[in-house]
Amino acid sequence: TRYDRMHVPGPLNFTKMCTATRAMIGKHNFIHFSGLKSVTMRQNRSTLKTITSFNISKIENGLKFSIRGNGFLYHQVRHMVGAVIACGKSNVQVCYLQQLLCCDALNDENRTPRWKMCHAQGLCLRDIEIMELPDPTKLIHPEFEHDEHGRVTSIEIKRRVTEP
């Protein structure tokens, strides 16, 4: 199982881990859970992400983490699981995670996390839900031609020339 699981030595406090997962549910600033903080900040990308569910379930000889959200930053999931494991090992307190999720990234950009990012073993993207496309009969610019996906295909620009 070395390719599809990550080994964590030592005991884990399952109750603390569940408390940590509940702290991450909701809309938070996950900049401190990103692997590329400075790039994300320079590109003015949104670091506010909504986690709709974060569950831990016991499986044979291990734990299974399931995370659902509206989008993720680079390495965000690996950092989230690493933080939860650190809480389970009592290396990090849940209140510290809550402070990171609420802090302003511009004023606190250089804060480094107190946990190790999880390895990629066992990390698996199970599915992606795509939003419904808008109804093509309700186009934003009905005066232009559109393709079958509702994208504008041609725009004709007319300029009015005034004589002096």
N, C-alpha and C. Protein backbone atom coordinates (compact mmCIF):
# COMPACT_ATOMS: atom_id res chain seq x y z
N THR A 1 0.81 -1.22 0.00
CA THR A 1 0.00 0.00 0.00
C THR A 1 0.84 1.27 0.00
N ARG A 2 2.13 1.16 -0.24
CA ARG A 2 2.98 2.35 -0.15
C ARG A 2 2.66 3.40 -1.20
N TYR A 3 2.00 3.02 -2.30
CA TYR A 3 1.67 3.98 -3.34
C TYR A 3 0.30 4.64 -3.14
N ASP A 4 -0.56 4.02 -2.37
CA ASP A 4 -1.89 4.59 -2.23
C ASP A 4 -2.25 4.97 -0.80
N ARG A 5 -1.28 4.96 0.09
CA ARG A 5 -1.50 5.39 1.47
C ARG A 5 -0.27 6.11 1.99
N MET A 6 -0.50 6.93 3.00
CA MET A 6 0.60 7.63 3.65
C MET A 6 0.72 7.11 5.07
N HIS A 7 1.91 6.77 5.48
CA HIS A 7 2.13 6.27 6.83
C HIS A 7 2.37 7.43 7.78
N VAL A 8 1.67 7.44 8.91
CA VAL A 8 1.86 8.44 9.96
C VAL A 8 2.24 7.67 11.23
N PRO A 9 3.49 7.79 11.68
CA PRO A 9 3.90 7.06 12.88
C PRO A 9 3.30 7.68 14.14
N GLY A 10 3.05 6.83 15.12
CA GLY A 10 2.56 7.31 16.41
C GLY A 10 1.05 7.37 16.47
N PRO A 11 0.52 7.54 17.69
CA PRO A 11 -0.94 7.58 17.87
C PRO A 11 -1.51 8.93 17.43
N LEU A 12 -2.78 8.90 17.02
CA LEU A 12 -3.50 10.10 16.62
C LEU A 12 -4.76 10.24 17.47
N ASN A 13 -5.08 11.46 17.88
CA ASN A 13 -6.30 11.74 18.63
C ASN A 13 -7.40 12.04 17.61
N PHE A 14 -8.28 11.06 17.39
CA PHE A 14 -9.33 11.18 16.37
C PHE A 14 -10.29 12.32 16.69
N THR A 15 -10.60 12.54 17.96
CA THR A 15 -11.53 13.61 18.36
C THR A 15 -10.97 14.98 18.00
N LYS A 16 -9.68 15.22 18.27
CA LYS A 16 -9.06 16.50 17.91
C LYS A 16 -9.03 16.68 16.40
N MET A 17 -8.81 15.59 15.69
CA MET A 17 -8.77 15.68 14.23
C MET A 17 -10.14 16.08 13.68
N CYS A 18 -11.19 15.51 14.22
CA CYS A 18 -12.55 15.86 13.78
C CYS A 18 -12.88 17.31 14.11
N THR A 19 -12.41 17.79 15.26
CA THR A 19 -12.61 19.19 15.62
C THR A 19 -11.89 20.11 14.63
N ALA A 20 -10.69 19.72 14.22
CA ALA A 20 -9.93 20.52 13.25
C ALA A 20 -10.63 20.56 11.90
N THR A 21 -11.21 19.44 11.47
CA THR A 21 -11.91 19.45 10.18
C THR A 21 -13.12 20.35 10.22
N ARG A 22 -13.85 20.35 11.34
CA ARG A 22 -15.02 21.23 11.46
C ARG A 22 -14.63 22.70 11.43
N ALA A 23 -13.44 23.03 11.94
CA ALA A 23 -12.98 24.43 11.93
C ALA A 23 -12.73 24.92 10.51
N MET A 24 -12.42 24.02 9.59
CA MET A 24 -12.12 24.42 8.22
C MET A 24 -13.34 24.51 7.32
N ILE A 25 -14.48 24.03 7.79
CA ILE A 25 -15.69 24.08 6.98
C ILE A 25 -16.22 25.50 6.95
N GLY A 26 -16.63 25.93 5.78
CA GLY A 26 -17.14 27.29 5.59
C GLY A 26 -16.24 28.09 4.67
N LYS A 27 -16.52 29.38 4.56
CA LYS A 27 -15.73 30.26 3.69
C LYS A 27 -14.61 30.87 4.51
N HIS A 28 -13.37 30.60 4.11
CA HIS A 28 -12.20 31.08 4.85
C HIS A 28 -11.12 31.53 3.87
N ASN A 29 -10.15 32.25 4.41
CA ASN A 29 -8.97 32.64 3.66
C ASN A 29 -7.92 31.55 3.83
N PHE A 30 -7.67 30.77 2.78
CA PHE A 30 -6.77 29.62 2.85
C PHE A 30 -5.37 29.94 2.34
N ILE A 31 -4.96 31.21 2.36
CA ILE A 31 -3.64 31.57 1.84
C ILE A 31 -2.52 30.83 2.57
N HIS A 32 -2.66 30.58 3.86
CA HIS A 32 -1.61 29.90 4.61
C HIS A 32 -1.63 28.38 4.40
N PHE A 33 -2.58 27.91 3.60
CA PHE A 33 -2.66 26.50 3.26
C PHE A 33 -2.27 26.29 1.79
N SER A 34 -1.65 27.30 1.19
CA SER A 34 -1.24 27.24 -0.21
C SER A 34 0.26 26.99 -0.30
N GLY A 35 0.65 26.24 -1.32
CA GLY A 35 2.07 26.00 -1.55
C GLY A 35 2.76 27.14 -2.27
N LEU A 36 2.00 28.05 -2.85
CA LEU A 36 2.56 29.16 -3.61
C LEU A 36 1.96 30.49 -3.14
N LYS A 37 2.20 30.84 -1.90
CA LYS A 37 1.60 32.06 -1.33
C LYS A 37 1.98 33.31 -2.12
N SER A 38 3.27 33.48 -2.37
CA SER A 38 3.72 34.72 -3.01
C SER A 38 3.18 34.84 -4.44
N VAL A 39 3.14 33.74 -5.17
CA VAL A 39 2.61 33.77 -6.54
C VAL A 39 1.12 34.09 -6.51
N THR A 40 0.39 33.46 -5.63
CA THR A 40 -1.04 33.70 -5.50
C THR A 40 -1.31 35.16 -5.17
N MET A 41 -0.52 35.72 -4.27
CA MET A 41 -0.71 37.12 -3.87
C MET A 41 -0.38 38.07 -5.03
N ARG A 42 0.71 37.79 -5.76
CA ARG A 42 1.10 38.65 -6.88
C ARG A 42 0.07 38.64 -7.98
N GLN A 43 -0.56 37.52 -8.21
CA GLN A 43 -1.53 37.39 -9.29
C GLN A 43 -2.93 37.84 -8.88
N ASN A 44 -3.06 38.32 -7.65
CA ASN A 44 -4.36 38.80 -7.13
C ASN A 44 -5.46 37.75 -7.28
N ARG A 45 -5.10 36.50 -7.09
CA ARG A 45 -6.10 35.43 -7.15
C ARG A 45 -6.81 35.34 -5.82
N SER A 46 -8.04 34.98 -5.86
CA SER A 46 -8.82 34.88 -4.63
C SER A 46 -8.34 33.71 -3.78
N THR A 47 -8.11 33.98 -2.52
CA THR A 47 -7.72 32.93 -1.58
C THR A 47 -8.89 32.54 -0.69
N LEU A 48 -10.03 33.17 -0.91
CA LEU A 48 -11.24 32.81 -0.17
C LEU A 48 -11.87 31.60 -0.84
N LYS A 49 -11.89 30.51 -0.13
CA LYS A 49 -12.46 29.27 -0.65
C LYS A 49 -13.50 28.76 0.34
N THR A 50 -14.51 28.10 -0.18
CA THR A 50 -15.57 27.55 0.66
C THR A 50 -15.43 26.03 0.70
N ILE A 51 -15.24 25.51 1.89
CA ILE A 51 -15.20 24.06 2.11
C ILE A 51 -16.59 23.66 2.59
N THR A 52 -17.27 22.85 1.80
CA THR A 52 -18.64 22.45 2.16
C THR A 52 -18.67 21.21 3.05
N SER A 53 -17.66 20.35 2.93
CA SER A 53 -17.58 19.21 3.83
C SER A 53 -16.13 18.74 3.93
N PHE A 54 -15.79 18.29 5.12
CA PHE A 54 -14.45 17.74 5.39
C PHE A 54 -14.66 16.63 6.40
N ASN A 55 -14.61 15.40 5.94
CA ASN A 55 -14.92 14.25 6.79
C ASN A 55 -13.72 13.32 6.92
N ILE A 56 -13.63 12.69 8.08
CA ILE A 56 -12.64 11.65 8.32
C ILE A 56 -13.42 10.40 8.70
N SER A 57 -13.10 9.31 8.04
CA SER A 57 -13.75 8.05 8.41
C SER A 57 -12.66 7.00 8.65
N LYS A 58 -12.94 6.12 9.59
CA LYS A 58 -12.00 5.04 9.89
C LYS A 58 -12.21 3.93 8.88
N ILE A 59 -11.10 3.48 8.28
CA ILE A 59 -11.14 2.35 7.37
C ILE A 59 -10.16 1.30 7.90
N GLU A 60 -10.09 0.17 7.24
CA GLU A 60 -9.20 -0.90 7.70
C GLU A 60 -7.75 -0.40 7.72
N ASN A 61 -7.16 -0.42 8.89
CA ASN A 61 -5.77 0.00 9.10
C ASN A 61 -5.48 1.45 8.68
N GLY A 62 -6.46 2.34 8.89
CA GLY A 62 -6.18 3.73 8.54
C GLY A 62 -7.37 4.66 8.62
N LEU A 63 -7.19 5.80 8.04
CA LEU A 63 -8.22 6.84 8.00
C LEU A 63 -8.42 7.29 6.56
N LYS A 64 -9.63 7.73 6.25
CA LYS A 64 -9.94 8.24 4.92
C LYS A 64 -10.43 9.68 5.08
N PHE A 65 -9.81 10.61 4.34
CA PHE A 65 -10.19 12.01 4.37
C PHE A 65 -10.98 12.32 3.11
N SER A 66 -12.12 12.98 3.26
CA SER A 66 -12.93 13.40 2.11
C SER A 66 -13.21 14.89 2.25
N ILE A 67 -12.80 15.64 1.23
CA ILE A 67 -12.95 17.10 1.26
C ILE A 67 -13.72 17.54 0.03
N ARG A 68 -14.69 18.41 0.24
CA ARG A 68 -15.48 18.95 -0.86
C ARG A 68 -15.51 20.46 -0.73
N GLY A 69 -15.28 21.16 -1.84
CA GLY A 69 -15.27 22.62 -1.81
C GLY A 69 -15.53 23.20 -3.17
N ASN A 70 -15.56 24.54 -3.23
CA ASN A 70 -15.85 25.22 -4.50
C ASN A 70 -14.59 25.53 -5.31
N GLY A 71 -13.44 25.14 -4.81
CA GLY A 71 -12.17 25.37 -5.49
C GLY A 71 -11.05 25.25 -4.48
N PHE A 72 -9.84 25.00 -4.97
CA PHE A 72 -8.72 24.78 -4.08
C PHE A 72 -7.48 25.49 -4.61
N LEU A 73 -6.67 25.98 -3.70
CA LEU A 73 -5.38 26.57 -4.04
C LEU A 73 -4.36 25.46 -4.27
N TYR A 74 -3.21 25.83 -4.80
CA TYR A 74 -2.14 24.87 -5.03
C TYR A 74 -1.71 24.25 -3.70
N HIS A 75 -1.75 22.94 -3.59
CA HIS A 75 -1.38 22.16 -2.40
C HIS A 75 -2.29 22.41 -1.20
N GLN A 76 -3.42 23.04 -1.40
CA GLN A 76 -4.31 23.33 -0.26
C GLN A 76 -4.79 22.06 0.44
N VAL A 77 -5.21 21.07 -0.31
CA VAL A 77 -5.73 19.84 0.30
C VAL A 77 -4.64 19.13 1.08
N ARG A 78 -3.44 19.07 0.52
CA ARG A 78 -2.32 18.42 1.22
C ARG A 78 -1.98 19.15 2.51
N HIS A 79 -2.06 20.48 2.50
CA HIS A 79 -1.82 21.25 3.72
C HIS A 79 -2.95 21.06 4.73
N MET A 80 -4.19 21.00 4.26
CA MET A 80 -5.33 20.80 5.17
C MET A 80 -5.20 19.47 5.90
N VAL A 81 -4.89 18.41 5.16
CA VAL A 81 -4.75 17.09 5.78
C VAL A 81 -3.54 17.08 6.72
N GLY A 82 -2.45 17.71 6.32
CA GLY A 82 -1.28 17.80 7.19
C GLY A 82 -1.58 18.53 8.49
N ALA A 83 -2.36 19.59 8.41
CA ALA A 83 -2.74 20.35 9.60
C ALA A 83 -3.62 19.51 10.53
N VAL A 84 -4.54 18.76 9.94
CA VAL A 84 -5.43 17.90 10.75
C VAL A 84 -4.61 16.80 11.43
N ILE A 85 -3.67 16.22 10.73
CA ILE A 85 -2.81 15.19 11.33
C ILE A 85 -1.98 15.81 12.45
N ALA A 86 -1.47 17.02 12.26
CA ALA A 86 -0.69 17.70 13.31
C ALA A 86 -1.56 17.95 14.54
N CYS A 87 -2.83 18.26 14.34
CA CYS A 87 -3.75 18.40 15.48
C CYS A 87 -3.94 17.06 16.18
N GLY A 88 -4.05 15.99 15.40
CA GLY A 88 -4.21 14.66 15.97
C GLY A 88 -2.99 14.19 16.74
N LYS A 89 -1.81 14.71 16.40
CA LYS A 89 -0.58 14.38 17.12
C LYS A 89 -0.30 15.38 18.24
N SER A 90 -1.19 16.35 18.42
CA SER A 90 -1.07 17.43 19.42
C SER A 90 0.14 18.33 19.16
N ASN A 91 0.57 18.45 17.91
CA ASN A 91 1.64 19.38 17.54
C ASN A 91 1.09 20.77 17.23
N VAL A 92 -0.19 20.83 16.89
CA VAL A 92 -0.86 22.08 16.55
C VAL A 92 -2.21 22.11 17.25
N GLN A 93 -2.58 23.27 17.74
CA GLN A 93 -3.90 23.43 18.39
C GLN A 93 -4.92 23.91 17.35
N VAL A 94 -6.16 23.55 17.54
CA VAL A 94 -7.23 23.95 16.62
C VAL A 94 -7.37 25.47 16.59
N CYS A 95 -7.17 26.14 17.72
CA CYS A 95 -7.28 27.60 17.75
C CYS A 95 -6.24 28.25 16.83
N TYR A 96 -5.07 27.64 16.67
CA TYR A 96 -4.06 28.15 15.75
C TYR A 96 -4.58 28.07 14.31
N LEU A 97 -5.23 26.97 13.95
CA LEU A 97 -5.80 26.84 12.61
C LEU A 97 -6.87 27.89 12.38
N GLN A 98 -7.70 28.12 13.39
CA GLN A 98 -8.76 29.12 13.27
C GLN A 98 -8.16 30.51 13.06
N GLN A 99 -7.06 30.82 13.75
CA GLN A 99 -6.39 32.11 13.55
C GLN A 99 -5.86 32.25 12.13
N LEU A 100 -5.27 31.19 11.60
CA LEU A 100 -4.75 31.23 10.23
C LEU A 100 -5.86 31.43 9.22
N LEU A 101 -7.00 30.80 9.45
CA LEU A 101 -8.11 30.90 8.50
C LEU A 101 -8.76 32.27 8.52
N CYS A 102 -8.59 33.01 9.60
CA CYS A 102 -9.22 34.32 9.73
C CYS A 102 -8.26 35.48 9.46
N CYS A 103 -6.97 35.23 9.41
CA CYS A 103 -6.01 36.34 9.33
C CYS A 103 -5.94 36.91 7.93
N ASP A 104 -5.52 38.15 7.88
CA ASP A 104 -5.38 38.90 6.64
C ASP A 104 -4.05 38.52 6.00
N ALA A 105 -4.09 38.02 4.80
CA ALA A 105 -2.87 37.56 4.13
C ALA A 105 -1.91 38.70 3.83
N LEU A 106 -2.42 39.88 3.55
CA LEU A 106 -1.54 40.99 3.22
C LEU A 106 -0.68 41.41 4.40
N ASN A 107 -1.24 41.34 5.60
CA ASN A 107 -0.51 41.75 6.79
C ASN A 107 0.30 40.62 7.40
N ASP A 108 0.06 39.40 6.95
CA ASP A 108 0.70 38.24 7.58
C ASP A 108 1.15 37.23 6.53
N GLU A 109 1.73 37.73 5.43
CA GLU A 109 2.06 36.87 4.29
C GLU A 109 3.15 35.86 4.59
N ASN A 110 4.10 36.19 5.46
CA ASN A 110 5.27 35.33 5.65
C ASN A 110 5.12 34.29 6.75
N ARG A 111 3.94 34.12 7.28
CA ARG A 111 3.74 33.12 8.33
C ARG A 111 3.87 31.73 7.72
N THR A 112 4.72 30.92 8.31
CA THR A 112 4.89 29.55 7.83
C THR A 112 4.10 28.61 8.73
N PRO A 113 3.47 27.60 8.15
CA PRO A 113 2.67 26.68 8.96
C PRO A 113 3.54 25.84 9.89
N ARG A 114 2.93 25.37 10.97
CA ARG A 114 3.62 24.55 11.97
C ARG A 114 3.42 23.06 11.73
N TRP A 115 3.08 22.69 10.53
CA TRP A 115 2.87 21.27 10.20
C TRP A 115 3.58 20.98 8.89
N LYS A 116 3.70 19.69 8.60
CA LYS A 116 4.27 19.26 7.34
C LYS A 116 3.14 18.98 6.35
N MET A 117 3.36 19.41 5.13
CA MET A 117 2.40 19.11 4.08
C MET A 117 2.40 17.60 3.83
N CYS A 118 1.23 17.05 3.61
CA CYS A 118 1.13 15.60 3.37
C CYS A 118 1.77 15.20 2.06
N HIS A 119 2.22 13.97 2.01
CA HIS A 119 2.73 13.41 0.77
C HIS A 119 1.57 13.17 -0.18
N ALA A 120 1.88 13.00 -1.44
CA ALA A 120 0.83 12.80 -2.44
C ALA A 120 0.28 11.37 -2.44
N GLN A 121 0.96 10.42 -1.79
CA GLN A 121 0.47 9.04 -1.77
C GLN A 121 -0.93 9.00 -1.17
N GLY A 122 -1.82 8.38 -1.87
CA GLY A 122 -3.18 8.23 -1.38
C GLY A 122 -4.09 9.38 -1.76
N LEU A 123 -3.52 10.49 -2.23
CA LEU A 123 -4.34 11.63 -2.62
C LEU A 123 -4.92 11.35 -4.00
N CYS A 124 -6.23 11.48 -4.10
CA CYS A 124 -6.90 11.11 -5.33
C CYS A 124 -8.06 12.05 -5.58
N LEU A 125 -8.10 12.63 -6.77
CA LEU A 125 -9.24 13.46 -7.17
C LEU A 125 -10.32 12.53 -7.66
N ARG A 126 -11.42 12.48 -6.92
CA ARG A 126 -12.46 11.52 -7.25
C ARG A 126 -13.42 12.03 -8.31
N ASP A 127 -13.88 13.25 -8.18
CA ASP A 127 -14.77 13.79 -9.21
C ASP A 127 -14.77 15.31 -9.20
N ILE A 128 -15.23 15.86 -10.30
CA ILE A 128 -15.36 17.30 -10.45
C ILE A 128 -16.79 17.58 -10.89
N GLU A 129 -17.43 18.48 -10.22
CA GLU A 129 -18.78 18.89 -10.62
C GLU A 129 -18.67 20.22 -11.35
N ILE A 130 -19.18 20.25 -12.55
CA ILE A 130 -19.14 21.46 -13.37
C ILE A 130 -20.48 22.19 -13.22
N MET A 131 -20.37 23.49 -13.10
CA MET A 131 -21.59 24.29 -13.01
C MET A 131 -22.38 24.17 -14.31
N GLU A 132 -23.66 24.35 -14.19
CA GLU A 132 -24.52 24.35 -15.36
C GLU A 132 -24.22 25.59 -16.20
N LEU A 133 -24.21 25.42 -17.50
CA LEU A 133 -24.03 26.56 -18.39
C LEU A 133 -25.32 27.37 -18.41
N PRO A 134 -25.21 28.68 -18.64
CA PRO A 134 -26.43 29.49 -18.68
C PRO A 134 -27.30 29.10 -19.86
N ASP A 135 -28.57 29.37 -19.71
CA ASP A 135 -29.54 29.09 -20.76
C ASP A 135 -29.18 29.93 -22.00
N PRO A 136 -28.93 29.28 -23.15
CA PRO A 136 -28.51 30.05 -24.33
C PRO A 136 -29.59 31.00 -24.84
N THR A 137 -30.82 30.79 -24.45
CA THR A 137 -31.86 31.72 -24.88
C THR A 137 -31.80 33.03 -24.10
N LYS A 138 -31.04 33.04 -23.00
CA LYS A 138 -30.88 34.25 -22.18
C LYS A 138 -29.43 34.71 -22.28
N LEU A 139 -29.03 35.13 -23.47
CA LEU A 139 -27.65 35.54 -23.71
C LEU A 139 -27.42 36.96 -23.19
N ILE A 140 -26.19 37.21 -22.77
CA ILE A 140 -25.84 38.53 -22.27
C ILE A 140 -25.84 39.54 -23.41
N HIS A 141 -25.34 39.12 -24.59
CA HIS A 141 -25.30 39.99 -25.76
C HIS A 141 -26.06 39.31 -26.90
N PRO A 142 -27.37 39.38 -26.91
CA PRO A 142 -28.13 38.68 -27.95
C PRO A 142 -27.92 39.25 -29.35
N GLU A 143 -27.33 40.46 -29.44
CA GLU A 143 -27.13 41.08 -30.75
C GLU A 143 -25.96 40.45 -31.52
N PHE A 144 -25.13 39.62 -30.86
CA PHE A 144 -24.00 38.97 -31.52
C PHE A 144 -24.29 37.48 -31.73
N GLU A 145 -23.55 36.90 -32.70
CA GLU A 145 -23.68 35.46 -32.95
C GLU A 145 -22.99 34.68 -31.84
N HIS A 146 -23.57 33.51 -31.48
CA HIS A 146 -23.03 32.66 -30.43
C HIS A 146 -22.92 31.23 -30.94
N ASP A 147 -21.98 30.46 -30.36
CA ASP A 147 -21.90 29.05 -30.70
C ASP A 147 -22.83 28.25 -29.80
N GLU A 148 -22.77 26.91 -29.90
CA GLU A 148 -23.70 26.06 -29.13
C GLU A 148 -23.46 26.12 -27.62
N HIS A 149 -22.30 26.67 -27.20
CA HIS A 149 -22.01 26.78 -25.77
C HIS A 149 -22.32 28.17 -25.21
N GLY A 150 -22.84 29.05 -26.04
CA GLY A 150 -23.19 30.38 -25.57
C GLY A 150 -22.07 31.39 -25.66
N ARG A 151 -20.96 31.02 -26.32
CA ARG A 151 -19.83 31.94 -26.45
C ARG A 151 -20.02 32.82 -27.69
N VAL A 152 -19.63 34.08 -27.58
CA VAL A 152 -19.72 35.00 -28.71
C VAL A 152 -18.72 34.56 -29.76
N THR A 153 -19.18 34.42 -31.02
CA THR A 153 -18.30 33.95 -32.09
C THR A 153 -17.84 35.07 -33.01
N SER A 154 -18.63 36.10 -33.16
CA SER A 154 -18.20 37.20 -34.03
C SER A 154 -18.76 38.51 -33.51
N ILE A 155 -17.93 39.52 -33.63
CA ILE A 155 -18.33 40.88 -33.23
C ILE A 155 -17.97 41.80 -34.38
N GLU A 156 -18.93 42.55 -34.82
CA GLU A 156 -18.69 43.51 -35.88
C GLU A 156 -18.67 44.90 -35.26
N ILE A 157 -17.56 45.59 -35.41
CA ILE A 157 -17.42 46.92 -34.84
C ILE A 157 -17.62 47.95 -35.92
N LYS A 158 -18.54 48.84 -35.68
CA LYS A 158 -18.80 49.93 -36.62
C LYS A 158 -18.38 51.22 -35.98
N ARG A 159 -17.58 51.99 -36.72
CA ARG A 159 -17.12 53.27 -36.21
C ARG A 159 -17.82 54.39 -36.97
N ARG A 160 -18.18 55.37 -36.24
CA ARG A 160 -18.80 56.53 -36.85
C ARG A 160 -17.70 57.56 -37.11
N VAL A 161 -17.56 57.95 -38.33
CA VAL A 161 -16.54 58.94 -38.69
C VAL A 161 -17.24 60.28 -38.88
N THR A 162 -16.75 61.25 -38.17
CA THR A 162 -17.32 62.59 -38.31
C THR A 162 -16.38 63.45 -39.15
N GLU A 163 -16.97 64.18 -40.05
CA GLU A 163 -16.15 65.04 -40.89
C GLU A 163 -15.93 66.38 -40.18
N PRO A 164 -14.72 66.95 -40.35
CA PRO A 164 -14.45 68.23 -39.70
C PRO A 164 -15.13 69.40 -40.34
